[in-house]
């Protein structure tokens, strides 16, 4: 298997197994909007995640925004892609004391 085939296989596996519905429910619960267009639907979440995975692989590093982070690592004999969703980048502009 070539490196490109391994990358595509991992992207497909991540996209099939990642719980986008859960992410959508979390975003709805905290009213996390993207670009003042409302909470993204599952199709938009999947599109953004795939974009980050491809960018991380292309640039051999990380790609993130909107709560998603994709990481790429490799050695001589393997490549690994990971996708995370986190609330660390969420802010609604509210200051708390």
PDB file of N, CA and C in Angstrom:
ATOM      1  N   UNK A   1       0.840  -1.176   0.000  1.00  0.00           N
ATOM      2  CA  UNK A   1       0.000   0.000   0.000  1.00  0.00           C
ATOM      3  C   UNK A   1       0.889   1.244   0.000  1.00  0.00           C
ATOM      4  N   UNK A   2       0.569   2.181  -0.855  1.00  0.00           N
ATOM      5  CA  UNK A   2       1.338   3.425  -0.901  1.00  0.00           C
ATOM      6  C   UNK A   2       0.937   4.335   0.258  1.00  0.00           C
ATOM      7  N   UNK A   3       1.744   5.360   0.480  1.00  0.00           N
ATOM      8  CA  UNK A   3       1.442   6.328   1.536  1.00  0.00           C
ATOM      9  C   UNK A   3       0.106   7.021   1.244  1.00  0.00           C
ATOM     10  N   UNK A   4      -0.137   7.392   0.002  1.00  0.00           N
ATOM     11  CA  UNK A   4      -1.389   8.060  -0.362  1.00  0.00           C
ATOM     12  C   UNK A   4      -2.593   7.153  -0.127  1.00  0.00           C
ATOM     13  N   UNK A   5      -2.450   5.882  -0.437  1.00  0.00           N
ATOM     14  CA  UNK A   5      -3.538   4.928  -0.188  1.00  0.00           C
ATOM     15  C   UNK A   5      -3.801   4.783   1.302  1.00  0.00           C
ATOM     16  N   UNK A   6      -2.738   4.736   2.090  1.00  0.00           N
ATOM     17  CA  UNK A   6      -2.882   4.629   3.546  1.00  0.00           C
ATOM     18  C   UNK A   6      -3.575   5.866   4.113  1.00  0.00           C
ATOM     19  N   UNK A   7      -3.214   7.029   3.592  1.00  0.00           N
ATOM     20  CA  UNK A   7      -3.840   8.277   4.044  1.00  0.00           C
ATOM     21  C   UNK A   7      -5.325   8.264   3.704  1.00  0.00           C
ATOM     22  N   UNK A   8      -5.660   7.906   2.469  1.00  0.00           N
ATOM     23  CA  UNK A   8      -7.062   7.891   2.056  1.00  0.00           C
ATOM     24  C   UNK A   8      -7.862   6.867   2.856  1.00  0.00           C
ATOM     25  N   UNK A   9      -7.268   5.728   3.121  1.00  0.00           N
ATOM     26  CA  UNK A   9      -7.937   4.703   3.925  1.00  0.00           C
ATOM     27  C   UNK A   9      -8.230   5.222   5.330  1.00  0.00           C
ATOM     28  N   UNK A  10      -7.280   5.926   5.916  1.00  0.00           N
ATOM     29  CA  UNK A  10      -7.491   6.476   7.257  1.00  0.00           C
ATOM     30  C   UNK A  10      -8.546   7.575   7.253  1.00  0.00           C
ATOM     31  N   UNK A  11      -8.521   8.427   6.249  1.00  0.00           N
ATOM     32  CA  UNK A  11      -9.552   9.471   6.146  1.00  0.00           C
ATOM     33  C   UNK A  11     -10.927   8.819   6.065  1.00  0.00           C
ATOM     34  N   UNK A  12     -11.066   7.808   5.210  1.00  0.00           N
ATOM     35  CA  UNK A  12     -12.356   7.128   5.066  1.00  0.00           C
ATOM     36  C   UNK A  12     -12.796   6.489   6.381  1.00  0.00           C
ATOM     37  N   UNK A  13     -11.870   5.855   7.083  1.00  0.00           N
ATOM     38  CA  UNK A  13     -12.200   5.211   8.355  1.00  0.00           C
ATOM     39  C   UNK A  13     -12.627   6.237   9.402  1.00  0.00           C
ATOM     40  N   UNK A  14     -11.905   7.340   9.480  1.00  0.00           N
ATOM     41  CA  UNK A  14     -12.253   8.395  10.435  1.00  0.00           C
ATOM     42  C   UNK A  14     -13.634   8.964  10.111  1.00  0.00           C
ATOM     43  N   UNK A  15     -13.877   9.244   8.845  1.00  0.00           N
ATOM     44  CA  UNK A  15     -15.164   9.822   8.450  1.00  0.00           C
ATOM     45  C   UNK A  15     -16.316   8.861   8.724  1.00  0.00           C
ATOM     46  N   UNK A  16     -16.072   7.557   8.624  1.00  0.00           N
ATOM     47  CA  UNK A  16     -17.112   6.564   8.886  1.00  0.00           C
ATOM     48  C   UNK A  16     -17.368   6.348  10.377  1.00  0.00           C
ATOM     49  N   UNK A  17     -16.346   6.562  11.210  1.00  0.00           N
ATOM     50  CA  UNK A  17     -16.485   6.217  12.621  1.00  0.00           C
ATOM     51  C   UNK A  17     -16.643   7.416  13.562  1.00  0.00           C
ATOM     52  N   UNK A  18     -16.304   8.606  13.105  1.00  0.00           N
ATOM     53  CA  UNK A  18     -16.386   9.785  13.970  1.00  0.00           C
ATOM     54  C   UNK A  18     -17.857  10.111  14.251  1.00  0.00           C
ATOM     55  N   UNK A  19     -18.171  10.495  15.468  1.00  0.00           N
ATOM     56  CA  UNK A  19     -19.552  10.753  15.874  1.00  0.00           C
ATOM     57  C   UNK A  19     -19.931  12.221  15.619  1.00  0.00           C
ATOM     58  N   UNK A  20     -20.253  12.517  14.372  1.00  0.00           N
ATOM     59  CA  UNK A  20     -20.618  13.884  13.993  1.00  0.00           C
ATOM     60  C   UNK A  20     -21.950  14.307  14.604  1.00  0.00           C
ATOM     61  N   UNK A  21     -22.844  13.352  14.834  1.00  0.00           N
ATOM     62  CA  UNK A  21     -24.118  13.675  15.472  1.00  0.00           C
ATOM     63  C   UNK A  21     -23.902  14.187  16.894  1.00  0.00           C
ATOM     64  N   UNK A  22     -22.976  13.578  17.601  1.00  0.00           N
ATOM     65  CA  UNK A  22     -22.670  14.013  18.964  1.00  0.00           C
ATOM     66  C   UNK A  22     -22.091  15.423  18.949  1.00  0.00           C
ATOM     67  N   UNK A  23     -21.195  15.690  18.026  1.00  0.00           N
ATOM     68  CA  UNK A  23     -20.619  17.033  17.899  1.00  0.00           C
ATOM     69  C   UNK A  23     -21.724  18.043  17.631  1.00  0.00           C
ATOM     70  N   UNK A  24     -22.631  17.707  16.718  1.00  0.00           N
ATOM     71  CA  UNK A  24     -23.733  18.595  16.390  1.00  0.00           C
ATOM     72  C   UNK A  24     -24.602  18.869  17.618  1.00  0.00           C
ATOM     73  N   UNK A  25     -24.890  17.848  18.410  1.00  0.00           N
ATOM     74  CA  UNK A  25     -25.701  18.019  19.622  1.00  0.00           C
ATOM     75  C   UNK A  25     -25.001  18.912  20.640  1.00  0.00           C
ATOM     76  N   UNK A  26     -23.692  18.733  20.784  1.00  0.00           N
ATOM     77  CA  UNK A  26     -22.922  19.581  21.701  1.00  0.00           C
ATOM     78  C   UNK A  26     -22.974  21.027  21.237  1.00  0.00           C
ATOM     79  N   UNK A  27     -22.761  21.233  19.953  1.00  0.00           N
ATOM     80  CA  UNK A  27     -22.759  22.596  19.419  1.00  0.00           C
ATOM     81  C   UNK A  27     -24.132  23.243  19.573  1.00  0.00           C
ATOM     82  N   UNK A  28     -25.197  22.465  19.370  1.00  0.00           N
ATOM     83  CA  UNK A  28     -26.544  23.002  19.565  1.00  0.00           C
ATOM     84  C   UNK A  28     -26.777  23.363  21.029  1.00  0.00           C
ATOM     85  N   UNK A  29     -26.296  22.509  21.934  1.00  0.00           N
ATOM     86  CA  UNK A  29     -26.516  22.731  23.364  1.00  0.00           C
ATOM     87  C   UNK A  29     -25.866  24.022  23.855  1.00  0.00           C
ATOM     88  N   UNK A  30     -24.728  24.365  23.281  1.00  0.00           N
ATOM     89  CA  UNK A  30     -24.039  25.581  23.722  1.00  0.00           C
ATOM     90  C   UNK A  30     -24.183  26.728  22.710  1.00  0.00           C
ATOM     91  N   UNK A  31     -25.016  26.488  21.695  1.00  0.00           N
ATOM     92  CA  UNK A  31     -25.304  27.495  20.658  1.00  0.00           C
ATOM     93  C   UNK A  31     -24.018  28.005  20.004  1.00  0.00           C
ATOM     94  N   UNK A  32     -23.164  27.081  19.613  1.00  0.00           N
ATOM     95  CA  UNK A  32     -21.883  27.396  18.976  1.00  0.00           C
ATOM     96  C   UNK A  32     -22.103  27.588  17.485  1.00  0.00           C
ATOM     97  N   UNK A  33     -22.064  28.813  17.050  1.00  0.00           N
ATOM     98  CA  UNK A  33     -22.291  29.145  15.642  1.00  0.00           C
ATOM     99  C   UNK A  33     -20.974  29.280  14.908  1.00  0.00           C
ATOM    100  N   UNK A  34     -21.003  28.983  13.630  1.00  0.00           N
ATOM    101  CA  UNK A  34     -19.864  29.233  12.748  1.00  0.00           C
ATOM    102  C   UNK A  34     -20.201  30.439  11.889  1.00  0.00           C
ATOM    103  N   UNK A  35     -19.349  31.448  11.927  1.00  0.00           N
ATOM    104  CA  UNK A  35     -19.480  32.622  11.065  1.00  0.00           C
ATOM    105  C   UNK A  35     -20.863  33.262  11.114  1.00  0.00           C
ATOM    106  N   UNK A  36     -21.445  33.287  12.289  1.00  0.00           N
ATOM    107  CA  UNK A  36     -22.755  33.902  12.491  1.00  0.00           C
ATOM    108  C   UNK A  36     -23.822  33.332  11.560  1.00  0.00           C
ATOM    109  N   UNK A  37     -23.638  32.078  11.124  1.00  0.00           N
ATOM    110  CA  UNK A  37     -24.605  31.423  10.241  1.00  0.00           C
ATOM    111  C   UNK A  37     -25.398  30.352  10.974  1.00  0.00           C
ATOM    112  N   UNK A  38     -25.303  30.321  12.274  1.00  0.00           N
ATOM    113  CA  UNK A  38     -26.000  29.319  13.055  1.00  0.00           C
ATOM    114  C   UNK A  38     -25.116  28.112  13.319  1.00  0.00           C
ATOM    115  N   UNK A  39     -25.668  27.186  14.073  1.00  0.00           N
ATOM    116  CA  UNK A  39     -24.957  25.954  14.389  1.00  0.00           C
ATOM    117  C   UNK A  39     -24.852  25.132  13.101  1.00  0.00           C
ATOM    118  N   UNK A  40     -23.654  24.650  12.773  1.00  0.00           N
ATOM    119  CA  UNK A  40     -23.505  23.896  11.525  1.00  0.00           C
ATOM    120  C   UNK A  40     -24.254  22.562  11.568  1.00  0.00           C
ATOM    121  N   UNK A  41     -24.791  22.165  10.418  1.00  0.00           N
ATOM    122  CA  UNK A  41     -25.437  20.861  10.330  1.00  0.00           C
ATOM    123  C   UNK A  41     -24.370  19.774  10.157  1.00  0.00           C
ATOM    124  N   UNK A  42     -24.801  18.542  10.180  1.00  0.00           N
ATOM    125  CA  UNK A  42     -23.867  17.419  10.120  1.00  0.00           C
ATOM    126  C   UNK A  42     -23.096  17.406   8.802  1.00  0.00           C
ATOM    127  N   UNK A  43     -23.749  17.747   7.703  1.00  0.00           N
ATOM    128  CA  UNK A  43     -23.051  17.802   6.417  1.00  0.00           C
ATOM    129  C   UNK A  43     -21.893  18.807   6.479  1.00  0.00           C
ATOM    130  N   UNK A  44     -22.142  19.969   7.051  1.00  0.00           N
ATOM    131  CA  UNK A  44     -21.093  20.997   7.162  1.00  0.00           C
ATOM    132  C   UNK A  44     -19.967  20.538   8.086  1.00  0.00           C
ATOM    133  N   UNK A  45     -20.321  19.858   9.172  1.00  0.00           N
ATOM    134  CA  UNK A  45     -19.300  19.326  10.078  1.00  0.00           C
ATOM    135  C   UNK A  45     -18.422  18.309   9.359  1.00  0.00           C
ATOM    136  N   UNK A  46     -19.048  17.417   8.608  1.00  0.00           N
ATOM    137  CA  UNK A  46     -18.299  16.392   7.876  1.00  0.00           C
ATOM    138  C   UNK A  46     -17.387  17.028   6.821  1.00  0.00           C
ATOM    139  N   UNK A  47     -17.905  18.032   6.126  1.00  0.00           N
ATOM    140  CA  UNK A  47     -17.112  18.720   5.107  1.00  0.00           C
ATOM    141  C   UNK A  47     -15.892  19.387   5.725  1.00  0.00           C
ATOM    142  N   UNK A  48     -16.083  20.062   6.859  1.00  0.00           N
ATOM    143  CA  UNK A  48     -14.967  20.733   7.533  1.00  0.00           C
ATOM    144  C   UNK A  48     -13.948  19.721   8.039  1.00  0.00           C
ATOM    145  N   UNK A  49     -14.420  18.630   8.610  1.00  0.00           N
ATOM    146  CA  UNK A  49     -13.510  17.608   9.140  1.00  0.00           C
ATOM    147  C   UNK A  49     -12.664  17.003   8.022  1.00  0.00           C
ATOM    148  N   UNK A  50     -13.290  16.662   6.905  1.00  0.00           N
ATOM    149  CA  UNK A  50     -12.544  16.092   5.771  1.00  0.00           C
ATOM    150  C   UNK A  50     -11.501  17.085   5.257  1.00  0.00           C
ATOM    151  N   UNK A  51     -11.866  18.363   5.198  1.00  0.00           N
ATOM    152  CA  UNK A  51     -10.928  19.395   4.757  1.00  0.00           C
ATOM    153  C   UNK A  51      -9.709  19.438   5.680  1.00  0.00           C
ATOM    154  N   UNK A  52      -9.943  19.396   6.980  1.00  0.00           N
ATOM    155  CA  UNK A  52      -8.828  19.442   7.932  1.00  0.00           C
ATOM    156  C   UNK A  52      -7.954  18.200   7.839  1.00  0.00           C
ATOM    157  N   UNK A  53      -8.557  17.035   7.657  1.00  0.00           N
ATOM    158  CA  UNK A  53      -7.774  15.815   7.513  1.00  0.00           C
ATOM    159  C   UNK A  53      -6.881  15.880   6.266  1.00  0.00           C
ATOM    160  N   UNK A  54      -7.447  16.345   5.167  1.00  0.00           N
ATOM    161  CA  UNK A  54      -6.660  16.453   3.927  1.00  0.00           C
ATOM    162  C   UNK A  54      -5.549  17.491   4.057  1.00  0.00           C
ATOM    163  N   UNK A  55      -5.845  18.620   4.691  1.00  0.00           N
ATOM    164  CA  UNK A  55      -4.817  19.651   4.885  1.00  0.00           C
ATOM    165  C   UNK A  55      -3.700  19.157   5.794  1.00  0.00           C
ATOM    166  N   UNK A  56      -4.053  18.478   6.869  1.00  0.00           N
ATOM    167  CA  UNK A  56      -3.031  17.949   7.783  1.00  0.00           C
ATOM    168  C   UNK A  56      -2.116  16.982   7.045  1.00  0.00           C
ATOM    169  N   UNK A  57      -2.688  16.124   6.218  1.00  0.00           N
ATOM    170  CA  UNK A  57      -1.880  15.162   5.455  1.00  0.00           C
ATOM    171  C   UNK A  57      -1.026  15.876   4.411  1.00  0.00           C
ATOM    172  N   UNK A  58      -1.605  16.844   3.726  1.00  0.00           N
ATOM    173  CA  UNK A  58      -0.871  17.566   2.678  1.00  0.00           C
ATOM    174  C   UNK A  58       0.324  18.326   3.248  1.00  0.00           C
ATOM    175  N   UNK A  59       0.126  18.982   4.380  1.00  0.00           N
ATOM    176  CA  UNK A  59       1.182  19.803   4.961  1.00  0.00           C
ATOM    177  C   UNK A  59       1.985  19.081   6.040  1.00  0.00           C
ATOM    178  N   UNK A  60       1.640  17.800   6.262  1.00  0.00           N
ATOM    179  CA  UNK A  60       2.364  16.946   7.211  1.00  0.00           C
ATOM    180  C   UNK A  60       2.455  17.594   8.591  1.00  0.00           C
ATOM    181  N   UNK A  61       1.287  17.961   9.099  1.00  0.00           N
ATOM    182  CA  UNK A  61       1.235  18.605  10.403  1.00  0.00           C
ATOM    183  C   UNK A  61      -0.170  18.598  10.955  1.00  0.00           C
ATOM    184  N   UNK A  62      -0.662  19.775  11.292  1.00  0.00           N
ATOM    185  CA  UNK A  62      -1.995  19.903  11.882  1.00  0.00           C
ATOM    186  C   UNK A  62      -2.809  20.934  11.130  1.00  0.00           C
ATOM    187  N   UNK A  63      -4.114  20.792  11.216  1.00  0.00           N
ATOM    188  CA  UNK A  63      -5.048  21.753  10.649  1.00  0.00           C
ATOM    189  C   UNK A  63      -6.224  21.832  11.607  1.00  0.00           C
ATOM    190  N   UNK A  64      -6.636  23.056  11.946  1.00  0.00           N
ATOM    191  CA  UNK A  64      -7.745  23.160  12.893  1.00  0.00           C
ATOM    192  C   UNK A  64      -8.518  24.453  12.732  1.00  0.00           C
ATOM    193  N   UNK A  65      -9.782  24.371  13.069  1.00  0.00           N
ATOM    194  CA  UNK A  65     -10.681  25.517  13.218  1.00  0.00           C
ATOM    195  C   UNK A  65     -12.057  24.967  13.573  1.00  0.00           C
ATOM    196  N   UNK A  66     -12.900  25.827  14.109  1.00  0.00           N
ATOM    197  CA  UNK A  66     -14.270  25.449  14.406  1.00  0.00           C
ATOM    198  C   UNK A  66     -14.423  24.319  15.395  1.00  0.00           C
ATOM    199  N   UNK A  67     -13.396  24.081  16.199  1.00  0.00           N
ATOM    200  CA  UNK A  67     -13.446  23.008  17.179  1.00  0.00           C
ATOM    201  C   UNK A  67     -12.766  21.733  16.733  1.00  0.00           C
ATOM    202  N   UNK A  68     -12.553  21.585  15.423  1.00  0.00           N
ATOM    203  CA  UNK A  68     -11.882  20.396  14.897  1.00  0.00           C
ATOM    204  C   UNK A  68     -10.375  20.603  14.834  1.00  0.00           C
ATOM    205  N   UNK A  69      -9.629  19.552  15.143  1.00  0.00           N
ATOM    206  CA  UNK A  69      -8.187  19.516  14.944  1.00  0.00           C
ATOM    207  C   UNK A  69      -7.844  18.185  14.306  1.00  0.00           C
ATOM    208  N   UNK A  70      -7.143  18.250  13.190  1.00  0.00           N
ATOM    209  CA  UNK A  70      -6.636  17.050  12.528  1.00  0.00           C
ATOM    210  C   UNK A  70      -5.120  17.065  12.651  1.00  0.00           C
ATOM    211  N   UNK A  71      -4.555  15.925  13.025  1.00  0.00           N
ATOM    212  CA  UNK A  71      -3.106  15.784  13.168  1.00  0.00           C
ATOM    213  C   UNK A  71      -2.590  14.684  12.255  1.00  0.00           C
ATOM    214  N   UNK A  72      -1.422  14.931  11.689  1.00  0.00           N
ATOM    215  CA  UNK A  72      -0.756  13.964  10.830  1.00  0.00           C
ATOM    216  C   UNK A  72       0.634  13.702  11.388  1.00  0.00           C
ATOM    217  N   UNK A  73       0.971  12.435  11.525  1.00  0.00           N
ATOM    218  CA  UNK A  73       2.328  12.044  11.897  1.00  0.00           C
ATOM    219  C   UNK A  73       2.747  10.893  10.998  1.00  0.00           C
ATOM    220  N   UNK A  74       4.049  10.770  10.808  1.00  0.00           N
ATOM    221  CA  UNK A  74       4.545   9.671   9.984  1.00  0.00           C
ATOM    222  C   UNK A  74       5.937   9.257  10.425  1.00  0.00           C
ATOM    223  N   UNK A  75       6.282   8.060  10.040  1.00  0.00           N
ATOM    224  CA  UNK A  75       7.642   7.559  10.193  1.00  0.00           C
ATOM    225  C   UNK A  75       8.012   6.930   8.858  1.00  0.00           C
ATOM    226  N   UNK A  76       9.089   6.212   8.832  1.00  0.00           N
ATOM    227  CA  UNK A  76       9.496   5.566   7.578  1.00  0.00           C
ATOM    228  C   UNK A  76       8.509   4.496   7.135  1.00  0.00           C
ATOM    229  N   UNK A  77       7.815   3.873   8.091  1.00  0.00           N
ATOM    230  CA  UNK A  77       6.969   2.733   7.736  1.00  0.00           C
ATOM    231  C   UNK A  77       5.468   2.940   7.972  1.00  0.00           C
ATOM    232  N   UNK A  78       5.042   4.087   8.500  1.00  0.00           N
ATOM    233  CA  UNK A  78       3.620   4.289   8.730  1.00  0.00           C
ATOM    234  C   UNK A  78       3.247   5.769   8.712  1.00  0.00           C
ATOM    235  N   UNK A  79       1.964   5.999   8.513  1.00  0.00           N
ATOM    236  CA  UNK A  79       1.380   7.339   8.647  1.00  0.00           C
ATOM    237  C   UNK A  79       0.171   7.218   9.558  1.00  0.00           C
ATOM    238  N   UNK A  80      -0.130   8.308  10.251  1.00  0.00           N
ATOM    239  CA  UNK A  80      -1.273   8.288  11.154  1.00  0.00           C
ATOM    240  C   UNK A  80      -1.994   9.616  11.092  1.00  0.00           C
ATOM    241  N   UNK A  81      -3.299   9.545  10.901  1.00  0.00           N
ATOM    242  CA  UNK A  81      -4.162  10.714  10.948  1.00  0.00           C
ATOM    243  C   UNK A  81      -5.108  10.576  12.134  1.00  0.00           C
ATOM    244  N   UNK A  82      -5.358  11.689  12.806  1.00  0.00           N
ATOM    245  CA  UNK A  82      -6.274  11.717  13.938  1.00  0.00           C
ATOM    246  C   UNK A  82      -7.171  12.943  13.804  1.00  0.00           C
ATOM    247  N   UNK A  83      -8.389  12.813  14.265  1.00  0.00           N
ATOM    248  CA  UNK A  83      -9.329  13.924  14.267  1.00  0.00           C
ATOM    249  C   UNK A  83      -9.902  14.077  15.668  1.00  0.00           C
ATOM    250  N   UNK A  84      -9.880  15.300  16.158  1.00  0.00           N
ATOM    251  CA  UNK A  84     -10.403  15.621  17.486  1.00  0.00           C
ATOM    252  C   UNK A  84     -11.407  16.756  17.364  1.00  0.00           C
ATOM    253  N   UNK A  85     -12.337  16.780  18.298  1.00  0.00           N
ATOM    254  CA  UNK A  85     -13.213  17.920  18.459  1.00  0.00           C
ATOM    255  C   UNK A  85     -13.102  18.364  19.906  1.00  0.00           C
ATOM    256  N   UNK A  86     -12.916  19.653  20.113  1.00  0.00           N
ATOM    257  CA  UNK A  86     -12.773  20.156  21.472  1.00  0.00           C
ATOM    258  C   UNK A  86     -13.454  21.492  21.660  1.00  0.00           C
ATOM    259  N   UNK A  87     -13.773  21.771  22.886  1.00  0.00           N
ATOM    260  CA  UNK A  87     -14.439  23.022  23.231  1.00  0.00           C
ATOM    261  C   UNK A  87     -13.465  24.131  23.571  1.00  0.00           C
ATOM    262  N   UNK A  88     -12.173  23.842  23.581  1.00  0.00           N
ATOM    263  CA  UNK A  88     -11.173  24.849  23.953  1.00  0.00           C
ATOM    264  C   UNK A  88     -11.226  26.091  23.089  1.00  0.00           C
ATOM    265  N   UNK A  89     -11.590  25.935  21.829  1.00  0.00           N
ATOM    266  CA  UNK A  89     -11.590  27.092  20.935  1.00  0.00           C
ATOM    267  C   UNK A  89     -12.937  27.807  20.916  1.00  0.00           C
ATOM    268  N   UNK A  90     -13.902  27.342  21.703  1.00  0.00           N
ATOM    269  CA  UNK A  90     -15.209  27.995  21.749  1.00  0.00           C
ATOM    270  C   UNK A  90     -15.168  29.206  22.645  1.00  0.00           C
ATOM    271  N   UNK A  91     -15.678  30.291  22.149  1.00  0.00           N
ATOM    272  CA  UNK A  91     -15.870  31.475  22.975  1.00  0.00           C
ATOM    273  C   UNK A  91     -17.072  32.236  22.432  1.00  0.00           C
ATOM    274  N   UNK A  92     -17.877  32.737  23.315  1.00  0.00           N
ATOM    275  CA  UNK A  92     -19.025  33.525  22.883  1.00  0.00           C
ATOM    276  C   UNK A  92     -18.818  35.004  23.173  1.00  0.00           C
ATOM    277  N   UNK A  93     -17.598  35.362  23.549  1.00  0.00           N
ATOM    278  CA  UNK A  93     -17.298  36.759  23.836  1.00  0.00           C
ATOM    279  C   UNK A  93     -17.634  37.178  25.263  1.00  0.00           C
ATOM    280  N   UNK A  94     -18.204  36.280  26.036  1.00  0.00           N
ATOM    281  CA  UNK A  94     -18.573  36.592  27.406  1.00  0.00           C
ATOM    282  C   UNK A  94     -17.351  36.494  28.313  1.00  0.00           C
ATOM    283  N   UNK A  95     -17.197  37.457  29.171  1.00  0.00           N
ATOM    284  CA  UNK A  95     -16.104  37.420  30.143  1.00  0.00           C
ATOM    285  C   UNK A  95     -16.643  36.986  31.492  1.00  0.00           C
ATOM    286  N   UNK A  96     -15.935  36.097  32.136  1.00  0.00           N
ATOM    287  CA  UNK A  96     -16.354  35.594  33.433  1.00  0.00           C
ATOM    288  C   UNK A  96     -15.316  35.989  34.482  1.00  0.00           C
ATOM    289  N   UNK A  97     -15.795  36.310  35.677  1.00  0.00           N
ATOM    290  CA  UNK A  97     -14.895  36.655  36.770  1.00  0.00           C
ATOM    291  C   UNK A  97     -15.087  35.698  37.913  1.00  0.00           C
TER     292      UNK A  97
END
